[in-house]
Amino acid sequence: MQTNENEHLGTNRPTPLSRTKNEIRPASPVNIVVRVADDPSKFSKVRSGSRIRIEKI
């Protein structure tokens, strides 16, 4: 499974406003609430539907 800059928390599909199949474009402004402090490629091993825990550091 490959990851890309648009992949986050199991959502790697284009949105209705996406211009390309690899783009995720929100319909309204968003707030970034998480920053990955380690290697994001580790998320490629997480299966869809898996529960993950996000902790404040």
PDB file of N, CA and C in Angstrom:
ATOM      1  N   MET A   1       0.839  -1.174   0.000  1.00  0.00           N
ATOM      2  CA  MET A   1       0.000   0.000   0.000  1.00  0.00           C
ATOM      3  C   MET A   1       0.885   1.238   0.000  1.00  0.00           C
ATOM      4  N   GLN A   2       0.722   2.112  -0.945  1.00  0.00           N
ATOM      5  CA  GLN A   2       1.490   3.341  -1.002  1.00  0.00           C
ATOM      6  C   GLN A   2       0.720   4.464  -0.340  1.00  0.00           C
ATOM      7  N   THR A   3       1.466   5.413   0.239  1.00  0.00           N
ATOM      8  CA  THR A   3       0.829   6.579   0.826  1.00  0.00           C
ATOM      9  C   THR A   3       1.132   7.791  -0.031  1.00  0.00           C
ATOM     10  N   ASN A   4       0.338   8.823   0.108  1.00  0.00           N
ATOM     11  CA  ASN A   4       0.623  10.083  -0.567  1.00  0.00           C
ATOM     12  C   ASN A   4       0.285  11.220   0.374  1.00  0.00           C
ATOM     13  N   GLU A   5       0.613  12.442  -0.031  1.00  0.00           N
ATOM     14  CA  GLU A   5       0.414  13.587   0.851  1.00  0.00           C
ATOM     15  C   GLU A   5      -1.047  13.840   1.179  1.00  0.00           C
ATOM     16  N   ASN A   6      -1.973  13.278   0.438  1.00  0.00           N
ATOM     17  CA  ASN A   6      -3.395  13.482   0.689  1.00  0.00           C
ATOM     18  C   ASN A   6      -3.998  12.434   1.609  1.00  0.00           C
ATOM     19  N   GLU A   7      -3.240  11.416   1.926  1.00  0.00           N
ATOM     20  CA  GLU A   7      -3.791  10.327   2.720  1.00  0.00           C
ATOM     21  C   GLU A   7      -3.757  10.682   4.201  1.00  0.00           C
ATOM     22  N   HIS A   8      -4.864  10.632   4.864  1.00  0.00           N
ATOM     23  CA  HIS A   8      -4.915  10.935   6.282  1.00  0.00           C
ATOM     24  C   HIS A   8      -6.002  10.124   6.957  1.00  0.00           C
ATOM     25  N   LEU A   9      -5.617   9.446   7.998  1.00  0.00           N
ATOM     26  CA  LEU A   9      -6.556   8.687   8.820  1.00  0.00           C
ATOM     27  C   LEU A   9      -7.528   7.831   8.019  1.00  0.00           C
ATOM     28  N   GLY A  10      -7.006   7.154   7.016  1.00  0.00           N
ATOM     29  CA  GLY A  10      -7.822   6.218   6.265  1.00  0.00           C
ATOM     30  C   GLY A  10      -8.636   6.802   5.143  1.00  0.00           C
ATOM     31  N   THR A  11      -8.581   8.097   4.927  1.00  0.00           N
ATOM     32  CA  THR A  11      -9.342   8.704   3.838  1.00  0.00           C
ATOM     33  C   THR A  11      -8.389   9.023   2.708  1.00  0.00           C
ATOM     34  N   ASN A  12      -8.392   8.238   1.681  1.00  0.00           N
ATOM     35  CA  ASN A  12      -7.494   8.490   0.555  1.00  0.00           C
ATOM     36  C   ASN A  12      -8.268   8.488  -0.758  1.00  0.00           C
ATOM     37  N   ARG A  13      -9.506   8.939  -0.695  1.00  0.00           N
ATOM     38  CA  ARG A  13     -10.340   9.008  -1.890  1.00  0.00           C
ATOM     39  C   ARG A  13     -10.556  10.461  -2.274  1.00  0.00           C
ATOM     40  N   PRO A  14     -10.740  10.734  -3.545  1.00  0.00           N
ATOM     41  CA  PRO A  14     -11.056  12.108  -3.945  1.00  0.00           C
ATOM     42  C   PRO A  14     -12.417  12.527  -3.389  1.00  0.00           C
ATOM     43  N   THR A  15     -12.580  13.817  -3.207  1.00  0.00           N
ATOM     44  CA  THR A  15     -13.842  14.380  -2.729  1.00  0.00           C
ATOM     45  C   THR A  15     -14.627  14.912  -3.926  1.00  0.00           C
ATOM     46  N   PRO A  16     -15.888  15.264  -3.765  1.00  0.00           N
ATOM     47  CA  PRO A  16     -16.667  15.764  -4.906  1.00  0.00           C
ATOM     48  C   PRO A  16     -16.046  16.980  -5.598  1.00  0.00           C
ATOM     49  N   LEU A  17     -15.296  17.795  -4.872  1.00  0.00           N
ATOM     50  CA  LEU A  17     -14.668  18.973  -5.471  1.00  0.00           C
ATOM     51  C   LEU A  17     -13.267  18.713  -6.012  1.00  0.00           C
ATOM     52  N   SER A  18     -12.766  17.494  -5.880  1.00  0.00           N
ATOM     53  CA  SER A  18     -11.416  17.173  -6.345  1.00  0.00           C
ATOM     54  C   SER A  18     -11.296  17.379  -7.844  1.00  0.00           C
ATOM     55  N   ARG A  19     -10.151  17.894  -8.241  1.00  0.00           N
ATOM     56  CA  ARG A  19      -9.891  18.103  -9.670  1.00  0.00           C
ATOM     57  C   ARG A  19      -9.185  16.914 -10.302  1.00  0.00           C
ATOM     58  N   THR A  20      -8.501  16.110  -9.481  1.00  0.00           N
ATOM     59  CA  THR A  20      -7.836  14.900  -9.963  1.00  0.00           C
ATOM     60  C   THR A  20      -8.168  13.760  -9.007  1.00  0.00           C
ATOM     61  N   LYS A  21      -7.881  12.539  -9.416  1.00  0.00           N
ATOM     62  CA  LYS A  21      -8.202  11.392  -8.564  1.00  0.00           C
ATOM     63  C   LYS A  21      -7.300  11.309  -7.331  1.00  0.00           C
ATOM     64  N   ASN A  22      -6.174  12.020  -7.330  1.00  0.00           N
ATOM     65  CA  ASN A  22      -5.263  11.996  -6.189  1.00  0.00           C
ATOM     66  C   ASN A  22      -5.417  13.198  -5.271  1.00  0.00           C
ATOM     67  N   GLU A  23      -6.362  14.084  -5.561  1.00  0.00           N
ATOM     68  CA  GLU A  23      -6.532  15.294  -4.763  1.00  0.00           C
ATOM     69  C   GLU A  23      -7.714  15.153  -3.806  1.00  0.00           C
ATOM     70  N   ILE A  24      -7.528  15.639  -2.591  1.00  0.00           N
ATOM     71  CA  ILE A  24      -8.619  15.732  -1.631  1.00  0.00           C
ATOM     72  C   ILE A  24      -8.853  17.216  -1.404  1.00  0.00           C
ATOM     73  N   ARG A  25      -9.994  17.707  -1.833  1.00  0.00           N
ATOM     74  CA  ARG A  25     -10.319  19.134  -1.734  1.00  0.00           C
ATOM     75  C   ARG A  25     -11.588  19.281  -0.898  1.00  0.00           C
ATOM     76  N   PRO A  26     -11.471  19.908   0.277  1.00  0.00           N
ATOM     77  CA  PRO A  26     -12.662  20.078   1.113  1.00  0.00           C
ATOM     78  C   PRO A  26     -13.642  21.074   0.513  1.00  0.00           C
ATOM     79  N   ALA A  27     -14.900  20.936   0.857  1.00  0.00           N
ATOM     80  CA  ALA A  27     -15.945  21.825   0.345  1.00  0.00           C
ATOM     81  C   ALA A  27     -15.976  23.157   1.085  1.00  0.00           C
ATOM     82  N   SER A  28     -15.356  23.212   2.262  1.00  0.00           N
ATOM     83  CA  SER A  28     -15.333  24.446   3.049  1.00  0.00           C
ATOM     84  C   SER A  28     -14.001  24.522   3.792  1.00  0.00           C
ATOM     85  N   PRO A  29     -13.680  25.670   4.378  1.00  0.00           N
ATOM     86  CA  PRO A  29     -12.420  25.784   5.127  1.00  0.00           C
ATOM     87  C   PRO A  29     -12.331  24.722   6.227  1.00  0.00           C
ATOM     88  N   VAL A  30     -11.119  24.271   6.496  1.00  0.00           N
ATOM     89  CA  VAL A  30     -10.893  23.253   7.520  1.00  0.00           C
ATOM     90  C   VAL A  30      -9.835  23.733   8.502  1.00  0.00           C
ATOM     91  N   ASN A  31      -9.836  23.158   9.676  1.00  0.00           N
ATOM     92  CA  ASN A  31      -8.806  23.402  10.679  1.00  0.00           C
ATOM     93  C   ASN A  31      -7.970  22.142  10.812  1.00  0.00           C
ATOM     94  N   ILE A  32      -6.660  22.296  10.723  1.00  0.00           N
ATOM     95  CA  ILE A  32      -5.759  21.167  10.926  1.00  0.00           C
ATOM     96  C   ILE A  32      -5.681  20.931  12.433  1.00  0.00           C
ATOM     97  N   VAL A  33      -6.050  19.751  12.873  1.00  0.00           N
ATOM     98  CA  VAL A  33      -6.073  19.466  14.303  1.00  0.00           C
ATOM     99  C   VAL A  33      -5.017  18.446  14.719  1.00  0.00           C
ATOM    100  N   VAL A  34      -4.290  17.886  13.756  1.00  0.00           N
ATOM    101  CA  VAL A  34      -3.283  16.875  14.058  1.00  0.00           C
ATOM    102  C   VAL A  34      -2.050  17.135  13.212  1.00  0.00           C
ATOM    103  N   ARG A  35      -0.906  16.980  13.818  1.00  0.00           N
ATOM    104  CA  ARG A  35       0.355  17.019  13.085  1.00  0.00           C
ATOM    105  C   ARG A  35       1.090  15.725  13.408  1.00  0.00           C
ATOM    106  N   VAL A  36       1.564  15.017  12.410  1.00  0.00           N
ATOM    107  CA  VAL A  36       2.269  13.759  12.613  1.00  0.00           C
ATOM    108  C   VAL A  36       3.694  14.082  13.039  1.00  0.00           C
ATOM    109  N   ALA A  37       4.079  13.608  14.228  1.00  0.00           N
ATOM    110  CA  ALA A  37       5.395  13.910  14.786  1.00  0.00           C
ATOM    111  C   ALA A  37       6.449  12.894  14.379  1.00  0.00           C
ATOM    112  N   ASP A  38       6.058  11.805  13.764  1.00  0.00           N
ATOM    113  CA  ASP A  38       6.982  10.740  13.392  1.00  0.00           C
ATOM    114  C   ASP A  38       6.829  10.461  11.906  1.00  0.00           C
ATOM    115  N   ASP A  39       7.333   9.351  11.465  1.00  0.00           N
ATOM    116  CA  ASP A  39       7.295   8.961  10.056  1.00  0.00           C
ATOM    117  C   ASP A  39       5.865   8.606   9.641  1.00  0.00           C
ATOM    118  N   PRO A  40       5.225   9.408   8.769  1.00  0.00           N
ATOM    119  CA  PRO A  40       3.832   9.132   8.390  1.00  0.00           C
ATOM    120  C   PRO A  40       3.655   7.845   7.586  1.00  0.00           C
ATOM    121  N   SER A  41       4.738   7.286   7.050  1.00  0.00           N
ATOM    122  CA  SER A  41       4.600   6.038   6.285  1.00  0.00           C
ATOM    123  C   SER A  41       4.147   4.881   7.183  1.00  0.00           C
ATOM    124  N   LYS A  42       4.291   5.026   8.489  1.00  0.00           N
ATOM    125  CA  LYS A  42       3.817   3.989   9.416  1.00  0.00           C
ATOM    126  C   LYS A  42       2.307   3.790   9.296  1.00  0.00           C
ATOM    127  N   PHE A  43       1.587   4.830   8.889  1.00  0.00           N
ATOM    128  CA  PHE A  43       0.142   4.718   8.738  1.00  0.00           C
ATOM    129  C   PHE A  43      -0.251   3.793   7.589  1.00  0.00           C
ATOM    130  N   SER A  44       0.663   3.519   6.680  1.00  0.00           N
ATOM    131  CA  SER A  44       0.332   2.642   5.550  1.00  0.00           C
ATOM    132  C   SER A  44       0.031   1.219   6.016  1.00  0.00           C
ATOM    133  N   LYS A  45       0.478   0.869   7.216  1.00  0.00           N
ATOM    134  CA  LYS A  45       0.234  -0.472   7.754  1.00  0.00           C
ATOM    135  C   LYS A  45      -1.097  -0.568   8.496  1.00  0.00           C
ATOM    136  N   VAL A  46      -1.746   0.569   8.726  1.00  0.00           N
ATOM    137  CA  VAL A  46      -3.029   0.579   9.435  1.00  0.00           C
ATOM    138  C   VAL A  46      -4.137   0.243   8.444  1.00  0.00           C
ATOM    139  N   ARG A  47      -4.918  -0.750   8.761  1.00  0.00           N
ATOM    140  CA  ARG A  47      -5.989  -1.180   7.866  1.00  0.00           C
ATOM    141  C   ARG A  47      -7.210  -0.295   8.036  1.00  0.00           C
ATOM    142  N   SER A  48      -7.952  -0.144   6.974  1.00  0.00           N
ATOM    143  CA  SER A  48      -9.181   0.639   7.003  1.00  0.00           C
ATOM    144  C   SER A  48     -10.108   0.109   8.087  1.00  0.00           C
ATOM    145  N   GLY A  49     -10.664   1.000   8.875  1.00  0.00           N
ATOM    146  CA  GLY A  49     -11.564   0.606   9.946  1.00  0.00           C
ATOM    147  C   GLY A  49     -10.877   0.339  11.273  1.00  0.00           C
ATOM    148  N   SER A  50      -9.538   0.331  11.275  1.00  0.00           N
ATOM    149  CA  SER A  50      -8.805   0.110  12.522  1.00  0.00           C
ATOM    150  C   SER A  50      -8.976   1.295  13.457  1.00  0.00           C
ATOM    151  N   ARG A  51      -8.959   1.023  14.742  1.00  0.00           N
ATOM    152  CA  ARG A  51      -9.004   2.098  15.729  1.00  0.00           C
ATOM    153  C   ARG A  51      -7.572   2.532  16.023  1.00  0.00           C
ATOM    154  N   ILE A  52      -7.380   3.831  16.090  1.00  0.00           N
ATOM    155  CA  ILE A  52      -6.081   4.371  16.469  1.00  0.00           C
ATOM    156  C   ILE A  52      -6.296   5.356  17.608  1.00  0.00           C
ATOM    157  N   ARG A  53      -5.243   5.613  18.354  1.00  0.00           N
ATOM    158  CA  ARG A  53      -5.326   6.582  19.448  1.00  0.00           C
ATOM    159  C   ARG A  53      -4.420   7.758  19.105  1.00  0.00           C
ATOM    160  N   ILE A  54      -4.945   8.954  19.269  1.00  0.00           N
ATOM    161  CA  ILE A  54      -4.186  10.173  19.037  1.00  0.00           C
ATOM    162  C   ILE A  54      -3.956  10.813  20.395  1.00  0.00           C
ATOM    163  N   GLU A  55      -2.674  11.065  20.719  1.00  0.00           N
ATOM    164  CA  GLU A  55      -2.330  11.631  22.015  1.00  0.00           C
ATOM    165  C   GLU A  55      -1.649  12.972  21.852  1.00  0.00           C
ATOM    166  N   LYS A  56      -1.901  13.855  22.776  1.00  0.00           N
ATOM    167  CA  LYS A  56      -1.238  15.153  22.800  1.00  0.00           C
ATOM    168  C   LYS A  56       0.192  14.946  23.287  1.00  0.00           C
ATOM    169  N   ILE A  57       1.152  15.575  22.593  1.00  0.00           N
ATOM    170  CA  ILE A  57       2.547  15.459  23.028  1.00  0.00           C
ATOM    171  C   ILE A  57       3.098  16.815  23.397  1.00  0.00           C
TER     172      ILE A  57
END
